[in-house]
Amino acid sequence: MKGAQDRFNFRKKRIRSKIFGSQDRPRLSVYRGYRHIYAQLVNDDNGHTLVAVSTLSPELKGKLKSTDTLPAAKAVGELIAKKAMEKGIKKIIFDRSGYMYAGRIKELADAARKIGLEF
């Protein structure tokens, strides 16, 4: 009997087989934990992480009131977009890792779009 976690992992693998980041359009991968949210830009051609930001990043660690809320996700989205723009990255592929496009995932994506990233 398969549990909910097994179904989630299967869905995540199925999605990752279709989404592939390159040098021109890196993949914005999002992980939503219970206490923190993590985002990173990955070049799948080389297997390198170009930019990584989370609520544990030094830029955000002391400034957030809580790390598992919508404002925290918005701050992570804004910071990753700014760091991507500094590296000359404007176009990305969004990988929500099987999470529903709602709540913290949507807030992160909207904040990154507002700064100037193109999905």
Protein backbone atom coordinates (compact mmCIF):
# COMPACT_ATOMS: atom_id res chain seq x y z
CA MET A 1 0.00 0.00 0.00
CA LYS A 2 1.43 3.33 -1.06
CA GLY A 3 1.33 6.30 1.27
CA ALA A 4 0.93 9.97 0.52
CA GLN A 5 4.70 10.53 0.52
CA ASP A 6 5.21 7.82 -2.12
CA ARG A 7 2.61 9.45 -4.36
CA PHE A 8 4.25 12.84 -3.89
CA ASN A 9 7.71 11.46 -4.77
CA PHE A 10 6.33 9.78 -7.90
CA ARG A 11 4.69 13.03 -9.00
CA LYS A 12 7.92 14.94 -8.35
CA LYS A 13 9.97 12.49 -10.47
CA ARG A 14 7.42 12.64 -13.29
CA ILE A 15 7.55 16.45 -13.33
CA ARG A 16 11.37 16.57 -13.17
CA SER A 17 11.60 14.31 -16.23
CA LYS A 18 9.92 17.07 -18.25
CA ILE A 19 11.56 20.18 -16.76
CA PHE A 20 15.19 20.83 -17.66
CA GLY A 21 17.20 23.98 -17.01
CA SER A 22 20.00 25.14 -19.30
CA GLN A 23 22.60 27.89 -19.34
CA ASP A 24 20.18 30.20 -21.18
CA ARG A 25 17.18 29.35 -18.98
CA PRO A 26 18.12 27.87 -15.62
CA ARG A 27 15.56 26.03 -13.52
CA LEU A 28 14.18 27.79 -10.43
CA SER A 29 13.69 24.90 -8.01
CA VAL A 30 11.61 25.51 -4.89
CA TYR A 31 11.49 23.42 -1.73
CA ARG A 32 8.89 24.20 0.90
CA GLY A 33 9.68 22.83 4.33
CA TYR A 34 7.60 23.20 7.45
CA ARG A 35 9.78 25.96 8.91
CA HIS A 36 11.67 27.39 5.92
CA ILE A 37 11.44 27.88 2.16
CA TYR A 38 14.36 27.35 -0.20
CA ALA A 39 14.88 28.42 -3.83
CA GLN A 40 17.80 27.84 -6.17
CA LEU A 41 18.65 28.40 -9.81
CA VAL A 42 20.14 25.27 -11.34
CA ASN A 43 21.92 24.72 -14.66
CA ASP A 44 21.05 21.08 -15.39
CA ASP A 45 23.52 20.88 -18.30
CA ASN A 46 26.45 21.07 -15.87
CA GLY A 47 24.61 20.18 -12.68
CA HIS A 48 25.64 23.45 -11.02
CA THR A 49 23.67 25.66 -8.69
CA LEU A 50 23.99 29.25 -9.90
CA VAL A 51 22.14 31.07 -7.11
CA ALA A 52 20.63 29.79 -3.87
CA VAL A 53 18.48 31.65 -1.35
CA SER A 54 16.43 30.56 1.64
CA THR A 55 14.94 32.00 4.78
CA LEU A 56 18.21 30.93 6.42
CA SER A 57 20.28 33.19 4.14
CA PRO A 58 22.30 35.86 5.99
CA GLU A 59 20.46 38.62 4.13
CA LEU A 60 17.09 37.48 5.50
CA LYS A 61 17.82 35.59 8.70
CA GLY A 62 17.42 38.38 11.23
CA LYS A 63 14.89 40.48 9.30
CA LEU A 64 11.98 38.03 9.10
CA LYS A 65 9.48 37.81 11.91
CA SER A 66 8.58 34.23 10.96
CA THR A 67 10.14 31.96 8.33
CA ASP A 68 7.10 29.89 7.33
CA THR A 69 4.76 32.66 6.19
CA LEU A 70 3.76 34.39 2.96
CA PRO A 71 5.94 37.47 3.66
CA ALA A 72 8.96 35.19 4.13
CA ALA A 73 8.28 33.49 0.78
CA LYS A 74 7.90 36.90 -0.85
CA ALA A 75 11.26 38.01 0.57
CA VAL A 76 12.95 34.84 -0.75
CA GLY A 77 11.42 35.41 -4.21
CA GLU A 78 12.60 39.02 -4.31
CA LEU A 79 16.10 38.14 -3.15
CA ILE A 80 16.58 35.30 -5.63
CA ALA A 81 15.35 37.54 -8.45
CA LYS A 82 17.80 40.30 -7.47
CA LYS A 83 20.70 37.85 -7.28
CA ALA A 84 19.73 36.35 -10.65
CA MET A 85 19.59 39.79 -12.26
CA GLU A 86 23.07 40.56 -10.89
CA LYS A 87 24.34 37.43 -12.67
CA GLY A 88 22.59 38.45 -15.89
CA ILE A 89 19.80 35.86 -15.70
CA LYS A 90 16.39 37.12 -16.81
CA LYS A 91 14.59 34.05 -18.19
CA ILE A 92 14.02 30.94 -16.08
CA ILE A 93 12.00 27.75 -15.98
CA PHE A 94 9.89 27.41 -12.82
CA ASP A 95 10.03 24.05 -11.04
CA ARG A 96 7.53 24.03 -8.18
CA SER A 97 8.61 20.48 -7.24
CA GLY A 98 5.12 19.02 -7.30
CA TYR A 99 3.67 21.57 -4.88
CA MET A 100 0.37 23.20 -5.75
CA TYR A 101 0.72 26.69 -7.22
CA ALA A 102 -0.82 28.41 -4.22
CA GLY A 103 0.20 29.97 -0.94
CA ARG A 104 3.94 30.32 -0.36
CA ILE A 105 4.89 28.89 -3.78
CA LYS A 106 2.69 31.42 -5.59
CA GLU A 107 3.93 34.28 -3.41
CA LEU A 108 7.57 33.41 -4.17
CA ALA A 109 6.90 33.21 -7.92
CA ASP A 110 4.91 36.46 -8.01
CA ALA A 111 7.64 38.31 -6.10
CA ALA A 112 10.32 37.03 -8.50
CA ARG A 113 8.20 38.09 -11.50
CA LYS A 114 7.66 41.53 -10.00
CA ILE A 115 11.43 42.11 -9.76
CA GLY A 116 11.86 41.14 -13.42
CA LEU A 117 12.35 37.40 -13.89
CA GLU A 118 10.52 35.94 -16.88
CA PHE A 119 8.99 32.48 -16.45
